[in-house]
Amino acid sequence: MLQALMNFLSLCWKPVGHAGERLDSVGGSVVTGSLGAGRDGKDGLLWFRDIGKYAWGDFSMAVVQANQVLEDQSQIESGAFGTFVGVYDGHGGPEAARYVCDNLFRNFQAISAEAQGVVTTETIERAFSRTEEGFTALVSELWSSRPNMATVGSCCLVGLICQRTLFVASLGDSRVVLGKKVGNTGVVAAIQLSTEHNANVEEIRHELRELHPNDPQIVVLKHGVWRVKGIIQVSRSIGDVYMKHAQYNREPINAKFRLPEPMNMPILTANPTILSHPLHPNDSFLIFASDGLWEHLSNEKAVEIVHKHPRAGSAKRLVKAALQEAARKREMRYSDLRKIDKKVRRHFHDDITVIVLFLNHDIISRGVPQDHQLSIRSALDH
């Protein structure tokens, strides 16, 4: 019975591409079947897919690079089972985000099979836990040759749509915002569905102080920014094992990551905040994005941009709006910002990843997704 279910799920979620082709192929993406139909391309440091189809409607996707090596990764996996969306914002390097993009969905797939295909908060938590354990094992394996892998981490934002329900799981400060129609007024409200684990949020500082009552330095204000132990802004992530396991908080990792006092308990955690949201006919679209977008656009502005323009190119339009705002803040022209190369560009904005899912309630109400598969990962030259 279990093997049969595994085979079924494998068919539903099977990543598509030519034999031996990696899903994060350089310079673009790998897409399955007619659901992936739509124009995609590259404009300097910007990669985009203007429009495509997934199980429950249309999607738009874009990513712009700012770092020397792209630290954002993202994916959409969609089939008869439903839809899995992931946005992974790496820090300290790209390795953790790439690992999560390679393994989180696969772990969820296997754990769902073990649970007879039922999706619950527990199955999602187990997928996150298994991914964290796998990355920690990799850090241990590479400790003698690449000790700084212990200082690499990734925020994770996951959306799962199945059985007319949206699950949102988050670590770190990426964000998903729902565009919801307000009756028949023509207005679309912006509703944030994810929780952000960033020390600049007062509730997170309170949470950290409650968890570490004997540590007056658990959050420190440095140059106007709150940081956990004065080092990192996010309080939850995959990776960052130097802040979770004492055996990695020592030489030879960089001195700026080493704590002066013993670590008696994990400082960061990989336990996601999970929300369950029954989809309503007035739920119009979802914007999943790394914090690089939200640094420059409010929830309301992002929803307004999607609502007031054609669906095609929605994600790219959001990225460009954020870049225009970043340029305005530095009193420069957008056209000049576009000419700045990666690495130097990081002084003006972060890597930005955006996925917009439009919700087709004719399909959702039937409970039967569109009859094709989609497996796509955004990627730029690393």
Protein backbone atom coordinates (compact mmCIF):
# COMPACT_ATOMS: atom_id res chain seq x y z
CA MET A 1 0.00 0.00 0.00
CA LEU A 2 2.74 2.47 1.01
CA GLN A 3 4.83 1.66 -2.05
CA ALA A 4 1.82 2.15 -4.32
CA LEU A 5 1.17 5.55 -2.77
CA MET A 6 4.82 6.52 -3.18
CA ASN A 7 4.61 5.59 -6.85
CA PHE A 8 1.43 7.65 -7.24
CA LEU A 9 2.96 10.71 -5.58
CA SER A 10 6.10 10.28 -7.63
CA LEU A 11 4.02 10.49 -10.79
CA CYS A 12 2.11 13.51 -9.48
CA TRP A 13 5.22 15.44 -8.48
CA LYS A 14 7.86 14.08 -10.83
CA PRO A 15 10.34 16.81 -11.78
CA VAL A 16 10.48 17.17 -15.54
CA GLY A 17 13.46 17.73 -17.78
CA HIS A 18 15.70 15.85 -20.13
CA ALA A 19 17.57 12.87 -18.76
CA GLY A 20 20.32 14.07 -16.45
CA GLU A 21 19.19 17.69 -16.63
CA ARG A 22 19.28 19.61 -13.34
CA LEU A 23 16.21 21.54 -12.29
CA ASP A 24 18.31 24.59 -11.43
CA SER A 25 19.90 24.72 -14.87
CA VAL A 26 22.01 27.82 -15.36
CA GLY A 27 20.37 30.79 -17.02
CA GLY A 28 16.75 29.75 -16.79
CA SER A 29 14.48 26.98 -15.60
CA VAL A 30 13.17 23.53 -16.33
CA VAL A 31 9.46 23.27 -16.95
CA THR A 32 7.06 20.45 -17.61
CA GLY A 33 4.29 20.26 -20.18
CA SER A 34 1.66 22.76 -21.24
CA LEU A 35 1.25 24.15 -17.74
CA GLY A 36 4.62 25.79 -18.12
CA ALA A 37 3.65 27.53 -21.36
CA GLY A 38 4.52 31.20 -21.41
CA ARG A 39 7.32 33.57 -22.32
CA ASP A 40 10.40 33.63 -20.15
CA GLY A 41 13.65 35.38 -20.59
CA LYS A 42 16.53 37.31 -19.14
CA ASP A 43 17.18 41.03 -18.96
CA GLY A 44 20.64 41.60 -17.52
CA LEU A 45 20.50 40.41 -13.90
CA LEU A 46 16.73 39.83 -14.13
CA TRP A 47 15.24 36.41 -15.00
CA PHE A 48 11.49 36.11 -15.49
CA ARG A 49 8.62 33.93 -16.63
CA ASP A 50 5.82 36.31 -17.50
CA ILE A 51 2.95 33.83 -17.34
CA GLY A 52 2.35 30.11 -16.99
CA LYS A 53 -0.23 27.69 -15.67
CA TYR A 54 -0.11 25.60 -12.51
CA ALA A 55 -2.65 23.27 -10.89
CA TRP A 56 -5.03 25.96 -9.62
CA GLY A 57 -4.60 28.82 -12.10
CA ASP A 58 -1.89 31.06 -13.56
CA PHE A 59 1.48 32.07 -12.16
CA SER A 60 4.18 34.66 -12.79
CA MET A 61 7.76 34.41 -11.55
CA ALA A 62 10.88 36.62 -11.48
CA VAL A 63 14.24 36.96 -9.75
CA VAL A 64 16.88 39.69 -9.89
CA GLN A 65 20.44 39.17 -8.71
CA ALA A 66 22.38 41.66 -6.58
CA ASN A 67 25.02 39.56 -4.82
CA GLN A 68 28.16 38.28 -6.52
CA VAL A 69 26.60 34.81 -6.24
CA LEU A 70 22.80 34.57 -6.27
CA GLU A 71 21.66 33.60 -2.76
CA ASP A 72 17.92 33.33 -3.54
CA GLN A 73 16.38 30.10 -4.82
CA SER A 74 12.73 29.34 -5.59
CA GLN A 75 10.52 26.61 -7.00
CA ILE A 76 6.98 25.63 -7.97
CA GLU A 77 5.98 21.96 -7.97
CA SER A 78 2.44 21.26 -9.11
CA GLY A 79 0.46 18.18 -10.09
CA ALA A 80 -2.56 16.02 -9.28
CA PHE A 81 -1.78 16.28 -5.56
CA GLY A 82 -1.78 20.07 -5.46
CA THR A 83 0.86 22.80 -5.48
CA PHE A 84 4.08 23.43 -3.52
CA VAL A 85 5.74 26.87 -3.71
CA GLY A 86 9.07 27.65 -2.09
CA VAL A 87 11.08 30.88 -1.74
CA TYR A 88 14.49 30.40 -0.09
CA ASP A 89 16.54 33.48 0.80
CA GLY A 90 20.09 32.47 1.63
CA HIS A 91 22.61 34.40 3.72
CA GLY A 92 26.33 33.93 4.22
CA GLY A 93 26.45 32.16 0.85
CA PRO A 94 24.18 30.27 -1.56
CA GLU A 95 24.74 26.72 -0.26
CA ALA A 96 21.90 26.48 2.27
CA ALA A 97 19.28 27.94 -0.09
CA ARG A 98 20.37 25.55 -2.84
CA TYR A 99 20.28 22.61 -0.42
CA VAL A 100 16.76 23.53 0.69
CA CYS A 101 15.61 23.89 -2.92
CA ASP A 102 17.06 20.45 -3.67
CA ASN A 103 15.66 18.70 -0.60
CA LEU A 104 12.71 20.33 1.20
CA PHE A 105 10.10 19.41 -1.39
CA ARG A 106 11.53 15.91 -1.78
CA ASN A 107 11.36 15.43 1.99
CA PHE A 108 7.79 16.69 2.05
CA GLN A 109 6.93 14.32 -0.80
CA ALA A 110 8.32 11.31 1.07
CA ILE A 111 6.73 12.24 4.41
CA SER A 112 3.35 12.84 2.75
CA ALA A 113 3.54 9.33 1.30
CA GLU A 114 4.26 7.95 4.76
CA ALA A 115 1.12 9.79 5.97
CA GLN A 116 -1.00 8.22 3.21
CA GLY A 117 -0.95 11.47 1.24
CA VAL A 118 -2.56 13.56 3.99
CA VAL A 119 -1.07 17.05 4.43
CA THR A 120 -1.07 18.44 7.98
CA THR A 121 1.01 20.90 9.97
CA GLU A 122 2.84 17.87 11.37
CA THR A 123 3.88 16.55 7.93
CA ILE A 124 5.13 20.02 7.00
CA GLU A 125 7.06 20.36 10.29
CA ARG A 126 8.64 16.94 9.72
CA ALA A 127 9.76 17.95 6.22
CA PHE A 128 11.46 21.07 7.64
CA SER A 129 13.04 19.02 10.44
CA ARG A 130 14.38 16.40 8.04
CA THR A 131 15.84 19.13 5.81
CA GLU A 132 17.52 20.79 8.79
CA GLU A 133 18.97 17.46 9.91
CA GLY A 134 20.27 16.77 6.42
CA PHE A 135 21.99 20.13 6.14
CA THR A 136 23.51 19.77 9.62
CA ALA A 137 24.87 16.36 8.61
CA LEU A 138 26.39 17.96 5.52
CA VAL A 139 28.06 20.63 7.67
CA SER A 140 29.49 17.89 9.89
CA GLU A 141 30.78 15.98 6.87
CA LEU A 142 32.50 19.09 5.46
CA TRP A 143 33.72 20.54 8.78
CA SER A 144 37.41 19.75 8.20
CA SER A 145 37.48 21.05 4.60
CA ARG A 146 34.78 23.78 4.54
CA PRO A 147 34.12 24.90 8.13
CA ASN A 148 32.39 28.10 7.04
CA MET A 149 29.45 25.98 5.84
CA ALA A 150 28.47 26.18 9.52
CA THR A 151 27.80 29.91 9.07
CA VAL A 152 25.58 29.61 5.97
CA GLY A 153 21.80 29.64 6.34
CA SER A 154 18.52 30.24 4.54
CA CYS A 155 15.13 31.73 5.28
CA CYS A 156 12.31 29.52 3.97
CA LEU A 157 8.81 30.43 2.85
CA VAL A 158 6.57 27.59 1.67
CA GLY A 159 3.02 27.60 0.37
CA LEU A 160 1.06 24.37 -0.08
CA ILE A 161 -2.34 24.29 -1.78
CA CYS A 162 -4.34 21.09 -1.59
CA GLN A 163 -7.92 20.13 -0.75
CA ARG A 164 -9.04 23.81 -1.09
CA THR A 165 -6.69 24.77 1.75
CA LEU A 166 -3.56 26.90 1.72
CA PHE A 167 -0.82 26.05 4.22
CA VAL A 168 1.91 28.66 4.77
CA ALA A 169 5.12 27.69 6.56
CA SER A 170 7.85 30.23 7.26
CA LEU A 171 11.31 30.60 8.75
CA GLY A 172 12.97 34.01 8.65
CA ASP A 173 11.64 37.13 6.96
CA SER A 174 10.35 36.25 3.50
CA ARG A 175 6.65 37.07 3.17
CA VAL A 176 3.44 35.97 1.47
CA VAL A 177 0.62 38.46 0.97
CA LEU A 178 -2.91 37.61 -0.12
CA GLY A 179 -4.83 39.88 -2.49
CA LYS A 180 -8.47 39.53 -1.36
CA LYS A 181 -11.47 41.09 -3.10
CA VAL A 182 -13.59 43.25 -0.79
CA GLY A 183 -17.15 42.29 -1.66
CA ASN A 184 -18.19 43.76 -5.02
CA THR A 185 -16.42 47.05 -4.46
CA GLY A 186 -13.62 46.40 -6.95
CA VAL A 187 -11.13 46.93 -4.12
CA VAL A 188 -8.53 44.27 -3.33
CA ALA A 189 -7.19 44.25 0.23
CA ALA A 190 -3.66 43.17 1.18
CA ILE A 191 -3.53 40.51 3.92
CA GLN A 192 -0.17 39.25 5.18
CA LEU A 193 -0.34 35.52 5.87
CA SER A 194 3.21 34.75 7.02
CA THR A 195 5.00 35.43 10.29
CA GLU A 196 8.42 37.11 10.09
CA HIS A 197 11.17 35.96 12.44
CA ASN A 198 13.37 39.04 12.45
CA ALA A 199 14.84 40.68 15.54
CA ASN A 200 13.65 44.08 14.30
CA VAL A 201 10.11 42.90 15.09
CA GLU A 202 9.27 43.65 18.73
CA GLU A 203 7.35 40.40 19.23
CA ILE A 204 10.38 38.39 18.08
CA ARG A 205 12.66 40.21 20.53
CA HIS A 206 10.17 39.43 23.28
CA GLU A 207 10.08 35.78 22.20
CA LEU A 208 13.88 35.54 22.26
CA ARG A 209 14.14 37.16 25.70
CA GLU A 210 11.55 34.74 27.09
CA LEU A 211 13.46 31.78 25.64
CA HIS A 212 16.80 33.09 26.98
CA PRO A 213 15.95 34.88 30.26
CA ASN A 214 19.52 34.62 31.58
CA ASP A 215 21.16 36.17 28.52
CA PRO A 216 20.98 39.99 28.51
CA GLN A 217 22.79 40.01 25.15
CA ILE A 218 20.35 37.73 23.30
CA VAL A 219 19.31 40.72 21.15
CA VAL A 220 21.61 43.69 20.60
CA LEU A 221 20.95 47.00 18.83
CA LYS A 222 23.85 47.75 16.48
CA HIS A 223 23.85 50.73 14.11
CA GLY A 224 20.08 51.03 14.40
CA VAL A 225 19.42 47.35 13.60
CA TRP A 226 18.42 44.67 16.12
CA ARG A 227 20.41 41.45 15.79
CA VAL A 228 20.37 38.10 17.59
CA LYS A 229 23.60 38.04 19.67
CA GLY A 230 24.58 41.14 17.72
CA ILE A 231 25.27 38.94 14.67
CA ILE A 232 22.20 37.90 12.67
CA GLN A 233 18.77 39.47 12.15
CA VAL A 234 16.62 36.35 11.69
CA SER A 235 15.77 34.09 14.61
CA ARG A 236 14.71 31.02 12.58
CA SER A 237 16.34 29.41 9.56
CA ILE A 238 17.63 26.26 7.95
CA GLY A 239 21.37 26.08 8.57
CA ASP A 240 23.28 28.65 10.65
CA VAL A 241 24.38 25.66 12.69
CA TYR A 242 27.02 27.76 14.48
CA MET A 243 24.07 29.30 16.36
CA LYS A 244 22.43 25.96 17.10
CA HIS A 245 25.21 23.51 17.99
CA ALA A 246 28.10 24.47 20.29
CA GLN A 247 30.58 22.16 18.54
CA TYR A 248 30.47 24.42 15.45
CA ASN A 249 30.79 27.73 17.30
CA ARG A 250 34.58 27.66 17.51
CA GLU A 251 37.68 27.89 15.41
CA PRO A 252 38.19 27.69 12.50
CA ILE A 253 34.98 29.60 11.64
CA ASN A 254 35.39 33.34 11.24
CA ALA A 255 35.88 35.14 14.57
CA LYS A 256 32.87 37.42 13.94
CA PHE A 257 30.57 34.39 14.30
CA ARG A 258 32.12 32.99 17.48
CA LEU A 259 30.33 33.70 20.75
CA PRO A 260 32.42 34.73 23.78
CA GLU A 261 30.32 32.66 26.21
CA PRO A 262 29.32 28.97 26.15
CA MET A 263 26.20 28.02 24.20
CA ASN A 264 23.96 26.09 26.59
CA MET A 265 21.00 25.79 24.23
CA PRO A 266 20.29 26.53 20.55
CA ILE A 267 19.96 30.25 19.88
CA LEU A 268 18.23 29.90 16.50
CA THR A 269 15.62 27.31 15.56
CA ALA A 270 14.35 25.62 12.40
CA ASN A 271 10.79 25.20 13.67
CA PRO A 272 8.49 26.94 11.15
CA THR A 273 5.44 29.01 11.94
CA ILE A 274 2.56 27.35 10.06
CA LEU A 275 -0.80 28.85 9.12
CA SER A 276 -3.77 27.02 7.60
CA HIS A 277 -6.08 29.16 5.44
CA PRO A 278 -9.25 27.75 3.81
CA LEU A 279 -9.40 29.33 0.35
CA HIS A 280 -12.39 31.64 -0.19
CA PRO A 281 -13.85 32.71 -3.56
CA ASN A 282 -12.76 36.30 -2.83
CA ASP A 283 -9.10 35.22 -2.47
CA SER A 284 -7.71 36.53 -5.77
CA PHE A 285 -3.94 36.01 -5.77
CA LEU A 286 -0.90 35.33 -3.59
CA ILE A 287 2.46 37.15 -3.68
CA PHE A 288 5.39 35.10 -2.34
CA ALA A 289 8.62 37.10 -2.11
CA SER A 290 11.97 37.30 -0.36
CA ASP A 291 12.51 40.29 1.90
CA GLY A 292 14.36 42.11 -0.87
CA LEU A 293 10.96 43.03 -2.33
CA TRP A 294 9.33 44.06 0.94
CA GLU A 295 12.28 46.29 1.83
CA HIS A 296 11.05 48.64 -0.91
CA LEU A 297 7.33 47.90 -1.38
CA SER A 298 4.51 47.82 1.16
CA ASN A 299 2.00 44.98 1.13
CA GLU A 300 -0.65 47.39 -0.14
CA LYS A 301 1.52 48.74 -2.96
CA ALA A 302 2.47 45.25 -4.14
CA VAL A 303 -1.18 44.12 -4.20
CA GLU A 304 -2.20 47.30 -6.03
CA ILE A 305 0.42 46.70 -8.74
CA VAL A 306 -0.76 43.14 -9.34
CA HIS A 307 -4.45 44.06 -9.23
CA LYS A 308 -4.27 47.04 -11.62
CA HIS A 309 -2.20 45.43 -14.39
CA PRO A 310 -2.49 42.38 -16.66
CA ARG A 311 -1.52 39.04 -15.12
CA ALA A 312 1.30 38.47 -17.60
CA GLY A 313 4.53 39.93 -16.23
CA SER A 314 3.17 40.51 -12.71
CA ALA A 315 6.27 39.20 -10.92
CA LYS A 316 8.65 41.11 -13.17
CA ARG A 317 6.55 44.25 -12.68
CA LEU A 318 6.88 43.93 -8.89
CA VAL A 319 10.64 43.44 -9.11
CA LYS A 320 11.00 46.52 -11.33
CA ALA A 321 8.83 48.60 -8.98
CA ALA A 322 11.11 47.62 -6.09
CA LEU A 323 14.22 48.51 -8.12
CA GLN A 324 12.73 51.86 -9.10
CA GLU A 325 12.07 52.59 -5.44
CA ALA A 326 15.63 51.51 -4.52
CA ALA A 327 16.98 53.89 -7.16
CA ARG A 328 14.73 56.73 -5.94
CA LYS A 329 16.01 56.28 -2.37
CA ARG A 330 19.56 56.74 -3.63
CA GLU A 331 18.55 59.72 -5.78
CA MET A 332 19.51 57.99 -9.00
CA ARG A 333 17.72 56.91 -12.17
CA TYR A 334 16.43 53.37 -12.59
CA SER A 335 18.24 53.16 -15.92
CA ASP A 336 21.54 53.87 -14.14
CA LEU A 337 20.84 51.30 -11.42
CA ARG A 338 20.30 48.64 -14.10
CA LYS A 339 23.84 49.24 -15.36
CA ILE A 340 25.45 48.44 -12.01
CA ASP A 341 27.00 44.98 -11.89
CA LYS A 342 26.26 42.26 -9.37
CA LYS A 343 28.12 42.48 -6.04
CA VAL A 344 28.28 46.28 -6.32
CA ARG A 345 24.50 46.19 -6.89
CA ARG A 346 24.13 44.70 -3.38
CA HIS A 347 24.83 48.16 -1.95
CA PHE A 348 21.57 49.33 -3.52
CA HIS A 349 19.24 46.32 -3.12
CA ASP A 350 19.19 42.64 -2.18
CA ASP A 351 18.56 39.62 -4.39
CA ILE A 352 14.79 39.68 -5.01
CA THR A 353 12.56 36.68 -5.77
CA VAL A 354 8.84 37.00 -6.53
CA ILE A 355 6.21 34.35 -7.34
CA VAL A 356 2.60 35.41 -7.97
CA LEU A 357 -0.08 32.71 -7.92
CA PHE A 358 -3.50 33.62 -9.34
CA LEU A 359 -6.31 31.51 -7.89
CA ASN A 360 -8.91 30.08 -10.28
CA HIS A 361 -11.87 29.24 -8.05
CA ASP A 362 -13.73 27.38 -10.79
CA ILE A 363 -10.93 24.82 -10.57
CA ILE A 364 -10.46 25.08 -6.80
CA SER A 365 -14.19 24.57 -6.09
CA ARG A 366 -14.12 21.31 -8.05
CA GLY A 367 -11.20 20.13 -5.94
CA VAL A 368 -9.54 18.65 -9.02
CA PRO A 369 -6.40 20.43 -10.23
CA GLN A 370 -5.61 21.05 -13.89
CA ASP A 371 -4.48 17.83 -15.50
CA HIS A 372 -0.81 18.55 -16.09
CA GLN A 373 2.38 18.75 -14.07
CA LEU A 374 4.73 21.65 -13.45
CA SER A 375 8.21 21.65 -12.00
CA ILE A 376 10.13 24.91 -12.26
CA ARG A 377 13.07 26.49 -10.49
CA SER A 378 14.21 30.00 -11.20
CA ALA A 379 17.92 30.41 -11.74
CA LEU A 380 20.50 32.87 -13.00
CA ASP A 381 24.17 32.36 -13.76
CA HIS A 382 25.76 31.58 -10.42
